PDB file of N, CA and C in Angstrom:
ATOM      1  N   UNK A   1       0.850  -1.176   0.000  1.00  0.00           N
ATOM      2  CA  UNK A   1       0.000   0.000   0.000  1.00  0.00           C
ATOM      3  C   UNK A   1       0.896   1.240   0.000  1.00  0.00           C
ATOM      4  N   UNK A   2       0.626   2.176  -0.910  1.00  0.00           N
ATOM      5  CA  UNK A   2       1.450   3.385  -0.970  1.00  0.00           C
ATOM      6  C   UNK A   2       1.347   4.200   0.325  1.00  0.00           C
ATOM      7  N   UNK A   3       2.402   4.946   0.562  1.00  0.00           N
ATOM      8  CA  UNK A   3       2.482   5.742   1.786  1.00  0.00           C
ATOM      9  C   UNK A   3       1.405   6.813   1.806  1.00  0.00           C
ATOM     10  N   UNK A   4       1.106   7.420   0.671  1.00  0.00           N
ATOM     11  CA  UNK A   4       0.116   8.503   0.646  1.00  0.00           C
ATOM     12  C   UNK A   4      -1.276   7.987   0.969  1.00  0.00           C
ATOM     13  N   UNK A   5      -1.581   6.719   0.646  1.00  0.00           N
ATOM     14  CA  UNK A   5      -2.891   6.159   0.980  1.00  0.00           C
ATOM     15  C   UNK A   5      -3.008   5.915   2.482  1.00  0.00           C
ATOM     16  N   UNK A   6      -1.889   5.490   3.103  1.00  0.00           N
ATOM     17  CA  UNK A   6      -1.910   5.302   4.555  1.00  0.00           C
ATOM     18  C   UNK A   6      -2.136   6.628   5.260  1.00  0.00           C
ATOM     19  N   UNK A   7      -1.427   7.654   4.823  1.00  0.00           N
ATOM     20  CA  UNK A   7      -1.552   8.971   5.448  1.00  0.00           C
ATOM     21  C   UNK A   7      -2.956   9.530   5.233  1.00  0.00           C
ATOM     22  N   UNK A   8      -3.476   9.391   4.025  1.00  0.00           N
ATOM     23  CA  UNK A   8      -4.815   9.903   3.744  1.00  0.00           C
ATOM     24  C   UNK A   8      -5.853   9.135   4.550  1.00  0.00           C
ATOM     25  N   UNK A   9      -5.660   7.853   4.746  1.00  0.00           N
ATOM     26  CA  UNK A   9      -6.597   7.046   5.518  1.00  0.00           C
ATOM     27  C   UNK A   9      -6.619   7.458   6.972  1.00  0.00           C
ATOM     28  N   UNK A  10      -5.446   7.689   7.556  1.00  0.00           N
ATOM     29  CA  UNK A  10      -5.373   8.088   8.965  1.00  0.00           C
ATOM     30  C   UNK A  10      -5.966   9.477   9.157  1.00  0.00           C
ATOM     31  N   UNK A  11      -5.540  10.430   8.323  1.00  0.00           N
ATOM     32  CA  UNK A  11      -6.035  11.800   8.472  1.00  0.00           C
ATOM     33  C   UNK A  11      -7.517  11.892   8.123  1.00  0.00           C
ATOM     34  N   UNK A  12      -7.932  11.140   7.143  1.00  0.00           N
ATOM     35  CA  UNK A  12      -9.347  11.128   6.789  1.00  0.00           C
ATOM     36  C   UNK A  12     -10.205  10.601   7.926  1.00  0.00           C
ATOM     37  N   UNK A  13      -9.745   9.561   8.598  1.00  0.00           N
ATOM     38  CA  UNK A  13     -10.490   9.009   9.728  1.00  0.00           C
ATOM     39  C   UNK A  13     -10.578  10.013  10.866  1.00  0.00           C
ATOM     40  N   UNK A  14      -9.478  10.690  11.132  1.00  0.00           N
ATOM     41  CA  UNK A  14      -9.482  11.688  12.211  1.00  0.00           C
ATOM     42  C   UNK A  14     -10.432  12.831  11.868  1.00  0.00           C
ATOM     43  N   UNK A  15     -10.399  13.293  10.613  1.00  0.00           N
ATOM     44  CA  UNK A  15     -11.293  14.379  10.206  1.00  0.00           C
ATOM     45  C   UNK A  15     -12.754  13.952  10.265  1.00  0.00           C
ATOM     46  N   UNK A  16     -13.047  12.706   9.905  1.00  0.00           N
ATOM     47  CA  UNK A  16     -14.423  12.216   9.967  1.00  0.00           C
ATOM     48  C   UNK A  16     -14.887  12.147  11.414  1.00  0.00           C
ATOM     49  N   UNK A  17     -14.038  11.699  12.309  1.00  0.00           N
ATOM     50  CA  UNK A  17     -14.402  11.641  13.735  1.00  0.00           C
ATOM     51  C   UNK A  17     -14.645  13.045  14.273  1.00  0.00           C
ATOM     52  N   UNK A  18     -13.804  13.995  13.912  1.00  0.00           N
ATOM     53  CA  UNK A  18     -13.997  15.386  14.360  1.00  0.00           C
ATOM     54  C   UNK A  18     -15.315  15.935  13.819  1.00  0.00           C
ATOM     55  N   UNK A  19     -15.613  15.650  12.548  1.00  0.00           N
ATOM     56  CA  UNK A  19     -16.865  16.123  11.952  1.00  0.00           C
ATOM     57  C   UNK A  19     -18.069  15.503  12.659  1.00  0.00           C
ATOM     58  N   UNK A  20     -17.987  14.234  13.005  1.00  0.00           N
ATOM     59  CA  UNK A  20     -19.089  13.575  13.711  1.00  0.00           C
ATOM     60  C   UNK A  20     -19.287  14.160  15.111  1.00  0.00           C
ATOM     61  N   UNK A  21     -18.195  14.460  15.799  1.00  0.00           N
ATOM     62  CA  UNK A  21     -18.301  15.066  17.132  1.00  0.00           C
ATOM     63  C   UNK A  21     -18.926  16.457  17.034  1.00  0.00           C
ATOM     64  N   UNK A  22     -18.524  17.237  16.056  1.00  0.00           N
ATOM     65  CA  UNK A  22     -19.099  18.580  15.880  1.00  0.00           C
ATOM     66  C   UNK A  22     -20.590  18.476  15.578  1.00  0.00           C
ATOM     67  N   UNK A  23     -20.983  17.543  14.717  1.00  0.00           N
ATOM     68  CA  UNK A  23     -22.391  17.354  14.389  1.00  0.00           C
ATOM     69  C   UNK A  23     -23.183  16.925  15.623  1.00  0.00           C
ATOM     70  N   UNK A  24     -22.610  16.027  16.416  1.00  0.00           N
ATOM     71  CA  UNK A  24     -23.280  15.583  17.637  1.00  0.00           C
ATOM     72  C   UNK A  24     -23.482  16.740  18.608  1.00  0.00           C
ATOM     73  N   UNK A  25     -22.462  17.576  18.765  1.00  0.00           N
ATOM     74  CA  UNK A  25     -22.581  18.725  19.666  1.00  0.00           C
ATOM     75  C   UNK A  25     -23.636  19.707  19.172  1.00  0.00           C
ATOM     76  N   UNK A  26     -23.712  19.917  17.855  1.00  0.00           N
ATOM     77  CA  UNK A  26     -24.743  20.801  17.303  1.00  0.00           C
ATOM     78  C   UNK A  26     -26.130  20.260  17.610  1.00  0.00           C
ATOM     79  N   UNK A  27     -26.304  18.956  17.461  1.00  0.00           N
ATOM     80  CA  UNK A  27     -27.611  18.345  17.724  1.00  0.00           C
ATOM     81  C   UNK A  27     -27.968  18.425  19.207  1.00  0.00           C
ATOM     82  N   UNK A  28     -26.994  18.247  20.072  1.00  0.00           N
ATOM     83  CA  UNK A  28     -27.243  18.345  21.517  1.00  0.00           C
ATOM     84  C   UNK A  28     -27.643  19.772  21.884  1.00  0.00           C
ATOM     85  N   UNK A  29     -26.972  20.748  21.314  1.00  0.00           N
ATOM     86  CA  UNK A  29     -27.309  22.158  21.586  1.00  0.00           C
ATOM     87  C   UNK A  29     -28.720  22.467  21.079  1.00  0.00           C
ATOM     88  N   UNK A  30     -29.073  21.966  19.904  1.00  0.00           N
ATOM     89  CA  UNK A  30     -30.417  22.190  19.361  1.00  0.00           C
ATOM     90  C   UNK A  30     -31.465  21.531  20.250  1.00  0.00           C
ATOM     91  N   UNK A  31     -31.188  20.340  20.761  1.00  0.00           N
ATOM     92  CA  UNK A  31     -32.134  19.637  21.632  1.00  0.00           C
ATOM     93  C   UNK A  31     -32.326  20.384  22.940  1.00  0.00           C
ATOM     94  N   UNK A  32     -31.240  20.908  23.494  1.00  0.00           N
ATOM     95  CA  UNK A  32     -31.340  21.690  24.728  1.00  0.00           C
ATOM     96  C   UNK A  32     -32.147  22.964  24.472  1.00  0.00           C
ATOM     97  N   UNK A  33     -31.955  23.587  23.334  1.00  0.00           N
ATOM     98  CA  UNK A  33     -32.754  24.761  22.970  1.00  0.00           C
ATOM     99  C   UNK A  33     -34.227  24.423  22.859  1.00  0.00           C
ATOM    100  N   UNK A  34     -34.546  23.273  22.264  1.00  0.00           N
ATOM    101  CA  UNK A  34     -35.942  22.839  22.161  1.00  0.00           C
ATOM    102  C   UNK A  34     -36.541  22.600  23.541  1.00  0.00           C
ATOM    103  N   UNK A  35     -35.803  21.929  24.419  1.00  0.00           N
ATOM    104  CA  UNK A  35     -36.308  21.674  25.771  1.00  0.00           C
ATOM    105  C   UNK A  35     -36.517  22.981  26.533  1.00  0.00           C
ATOM    106  N   UNK A  36     -35.604  23.914  26.382  1.00  0.00           N
ATOM    107  CA  UNK A  36     -35.751  25.210  27.047  1.00  0.00           C
ATOM    108  C   UNK A  36     -36.996  25.936  26.552  1.00  0.00           C
ATOM    109  N   UNK A  37     -37.235  25.915  25.263  1.00  0.00           N
ATOM    110  CA  UNK A  37     -38.434  26.536  24.710  1.00  0.00           C
ATOM    111  C   UNK A  37     -39.703  25.873  25.220  1.00  0.00           C
ATOM    112  N   UNK A  38     -39.689  24.548  25.324  1.00  0.00           N
ATOM    113  CA  UNK A  38     -40.864  23.835  25.823  1.00  0.00           C
ATOM    114  C   UNK A  38     -41.133  24.183  27.286  1.00  0.00           C
ATOM    115  N   UNK A  39     -40.085  24.289  28.093  1.00  0.00           N
ATOM    116  CA  UNK A  39     -40.259  24.643  29.499  1.00  0.00           C
ATOM    117  C   UNK A  39     -40.790  26.069  29.625  1.00  0.00           C
ATOM    118  N   UNK A  40     -40.277  26.983  28.820  1.00  0.00           N
ATOM    119  CA  UNK A  40     -40.774  28.365  28.842  1.00  0.00           C
ATOM    120  C   UNK A  40     -42.257  28.404  28.488  1.00  0.00           C
ATOM    121  N   UNK A  41     -42.646  27.650  27.474  1.00  0.00           N
ATOM    122  CA  UNK A  41     -44.048  27.608  27.069  1.00  0.00           C
ATOM    123  C   UNK A  41     -44.929  27.060  28.193  1.00  0.00           C
ATOM    124  N   UNK A  42     -44.474  26.014  28.862  1.00  0.00           N
ATOM    125  CA  UNK A  42     -45.240  25.456  29.975  1.00  0.00           C
ATOM    126  C   UNK A  42     -45.376  26.450  31.122  1.00  0.00           C
ATOM    127  N   UNK A  43     -44.329  27.212  31.393  1.00  0.00           N
ATOM    128  CA  UNK A  43     -44.391  28.207  32.465  1.00  0.00           C
ATOM    129  C   UNK A  43     -45.389  29.300  32.107  1.00  0.00           C
ATOM    130  N   UNK A  44     -45.365  29.763  30.864  1.00  0.00           N
ATOM    131  CA  UNK A  44     -46.310  30.795  30.433  1.00  0.00           C
ATOM    132  C   UNK A  44     -47.740  30.272  30.521  1.00  0.00           C
ATOM    133  N   UNK A  45     -47.977  29.048  30.076  1.00  0.00           N
ATOM    134  CA  UNK A  45     -49.316  28.464  30.152  1.00  0.00           C
ATOM    135  C   UNK A  45     -49.777  28.303  31.597  1.00  0.00           C
ATOM    136  N   UNK A  46     -48.859  27.954  32.498  1.00  0.00           N
ATOM    137  CA  UNK A  46     -49.215  27.826  33.910  1.00  0.00           C
ATOM    138  C   UNK A  46     -49.617  29.184  34.487  1.00  0.00           C
ATOM    139  N   UNK A  47     -48.889  30.246  34.160  1.00  0.00           N
ATOM    140  CA  UNK A  47     -49.254  31.577  34.645  1.00  0.00           C
ATOM    141  C   UNK A  47     -50.598  32.028  34.078  1.00  0.00           C
ATOM    142  N   UNK A  48     -50.851  31.734  32.815  1.00  0.00           N
ATOM    143  CA  UNK A  48     -52.147  32.079  32.231  1.00  0.00           C
ATOM    144  C   UNK A  48     -53.264  31.331  32.956  1.00  0.00           C
ATOM    145  N   UNK A  49     -53.053  30.054  33.255  1.00  0.00           N
ATOM    146  CA  UNK A  49     -54.062  29.268  33.967  1.00  0.00           C
ATOM    147  C   UNK A  49     -54.304  29.835  35.360  1.00  0.00           C
ATOM    148  N   UNK A  50     -53.249  30.252  36.049  1.00  0.00           N
ATOM    149  CA  UNK A  50     -53.409  30.833  37.394  1.00  0.00           C
ATOM    150  C   UNK A  50     -54.183  32.145  37.307  1.00  0.00           C
ATOM    151  N   UNK A  51     -53.848  32.987  36.343  1.00  0.00           N
ATOM    152  CA  UNK A  51     -54.534  34.270  36.200  1.00  0.00           C
ATOM    153  C   UNK A  51     -56.017  34.053  35.872  1.00  0.00           C
ATOM    154  N   UNK A  52     -56.311  33.113  34.976  1.00  0.00           N
ATOM    155  CA  UNK A  52     -57.705  32.812  34.650  1.00  0.00           C
ATOM    156  C   UNK A  52     -58.443  32.237  35.857  1.00  0.00           C
ATOM    157  N   UNK A  53     -57.767  31.391  36.633  1.00  0.00           N
ATOM    158  CA  UNK A  53     -58.387  30.827  37.835  1.00  0.00           C
ATOM    159  C   UNK A  53     -58.708  31.894  38.861  1.00  0.00           C
ATOM    160  N   UNK A  54     -57.796  32.812  39.068  1.00  0.00           N
ATOM    161  CA  UNK A  54     -58.039  33.910  40.016  1.00  0.00           C
ATOM    162  C   UNK A  54     -59.168  34.795  39.513  1.00  0.00           C
ATOM    163  N   UNK A  55     -59.193  35.091  38.228  1.00  0.00           N
ATOM    164  CA  UNK A  55     -60.275  35.884  37.659  1.00  0.00           C
ATOM    165  C   UNK A  55     -61.619  35.195  37.822  1.00  0.00           C
ATOM    166  N   UNK A  56     -61.650  33.898  37.608  1.00  0.00           N
ATOM    167  CA  UNK A  56     -62.897  33.142  37.785  1.00  0.00           C
ATOM    168  C   UNK A  56     -63.356  33.184  39.240  1.00  0.00           C
ATOM    169  N   UNK A  57     -62.435  33.024  40.175  1.00  0.00           N
ATOM    170  CA  UNK A  57     -62.806  33.059  41.596  1.00  0.00           C
ATOM    171  C   UNK A  57     -63.305  34.443  42.001  1.00  0.00           C
ATOM    172  N   UNK A  58     -62.688  35.500  41.477  1.00  0.00           N
ATOM    173  CA  UNK A  58     -63.156  36.861  41.777  1.00  0.00           C
ATOM    174  C   UNK A  58     -64.554  37.059  41.214  1.00  0.00           C
ATOM    175  N   UNK A  59     -64.774  36.640  39.971  1.00  0.00           N
ATOM    176  CA  UNK A  59     -66.097  36.768  39.356  1.00  0.00           C
ATOM    177  C   UNK A  59     -67.140  35.969  40.141  1.00  0.00           C
ATOM    178  N   UNK A  60     -66.771  34.763  40.555  1.00  0.00           N
ATOM    179  CA  UNK A  60     -67.689  33.928  41.339  1.00  0.00           C
ATOM    180  C   UNK A  60     -68.001  34.582  42.680  1.00  0.00           C
ATOM    181  N   UNK A  61     -67.009  35.181  43.326  1.00  0.00           N
ATOM    182  CA  UNK A  61     -67.225  35.872  44.597  1.00  0.00           C
ATOM    183  C   UNK A  61     -68.138  37.072  44.438  1.00  0.00           C
ATOM    184  N   UNK A  62     -67.957  37.827  43.368  1.00  0.00           N
ATOM    185  CA  UNK A  62     -68.824  38.989  43.112  1.00  0.00           C
ATOM    186  C   UNK A  62     -70.255  38.520  42.862  1.00  0.00           C
ATOM    187  N   UNK A  63     -70.407  37.441  42.095  1.00  0.00           N
ATOM    188  CA  UNK A  63     -71.747  36.916  41.819  1.00  0.00           C
ATOM    189  C   UNK A  63     -72.419  36.440  43.100  1.00  0.00           C
ATOM    190  N   UNK A  64     -71.670  35.758  43.944  1.00  0.00           N
ATOM    191  CA  UNK A  64     -72.226  35.262  45.211  1.00  0.00           C
ATOM    192  C   UNK A  64     -72.628  36.416  46.120  1.00  0.00           C
ATOM    193  N   UNK A  65     -71.829  37.460  46.155  1.00  0.00           N
ATOM    194  CA  UNK A  65     -72.151  38.593  47.027  1.00  0.00           C
ATOM    195  C   UNK A  65     -73.397  39.334  46.522  1.00  0.00           C
ATOM    196  N   UNK A  66     -73.585  39.381  45.191  1.00  0.00           N
ATOM    197  CA  UNK A  66     -74.787  40.011  44.644  1.00  0.00           C
ATOM    198  C   UNK A  66     -76.022  39.166  44.950  1.00  0.00           C
ATOM    199  N   UNK A  67     -75.897  37.823  44.883  1.00  0.00           N
ATOM    200  CA  UNK A  67     -77.019  36.958  45.218  1.00  0.00           C
ATOM    201  C   UNK A  67     -77.389  37.060  46.685  1.00  0.00           C
ATOM    202  N   UNK A  68     -76.389  37.133  47.546  1.00  0.00           N
ATOM    203  CA  UNK A  68     -76.643  37.205  48.992  1.00  0.00           C
ATOM    204  C   UNK A  68     -77.214  38.531  49.417  1.00  0.00           C
ATOM    205  N   UNK A  69     -76.898  39.606  48.702  1.00  0.00           N
ATOM    206  CA  UNK A  69     -77.402  40.941  49.083  1.00  0.00           C
ATOM    207  C   UNK A  69     -78.866  41.137  48.667  1.00  0.00           C
ATOM    208  N   UNK A  70     -79.368  40.350  47.753  1.00  0.00           N
ATOM    209  CA  UNK A  70     -80.744  40.526  47.304  1.00  0.00           C
ATOM    210  C   UNK A  70     -81.715  39.825  48.159  1.00  0.00           C
TER     211      UNK A  70
END
């Protein structure tokens, strides 16, 4: 086997491994970004649910007080 094929094989393998590691890191970063976005969305939805629940309880209290005063 010629010397240049051995050198190209070794360096090519190292470059392929480096490329695979870089691709894996990019995918991990993208996945973490997706999870962060999902958690943010859940937090916003939870706050909206709490605000709607408090509004409903206030409305229910006002309705009850109007019924009791009549």
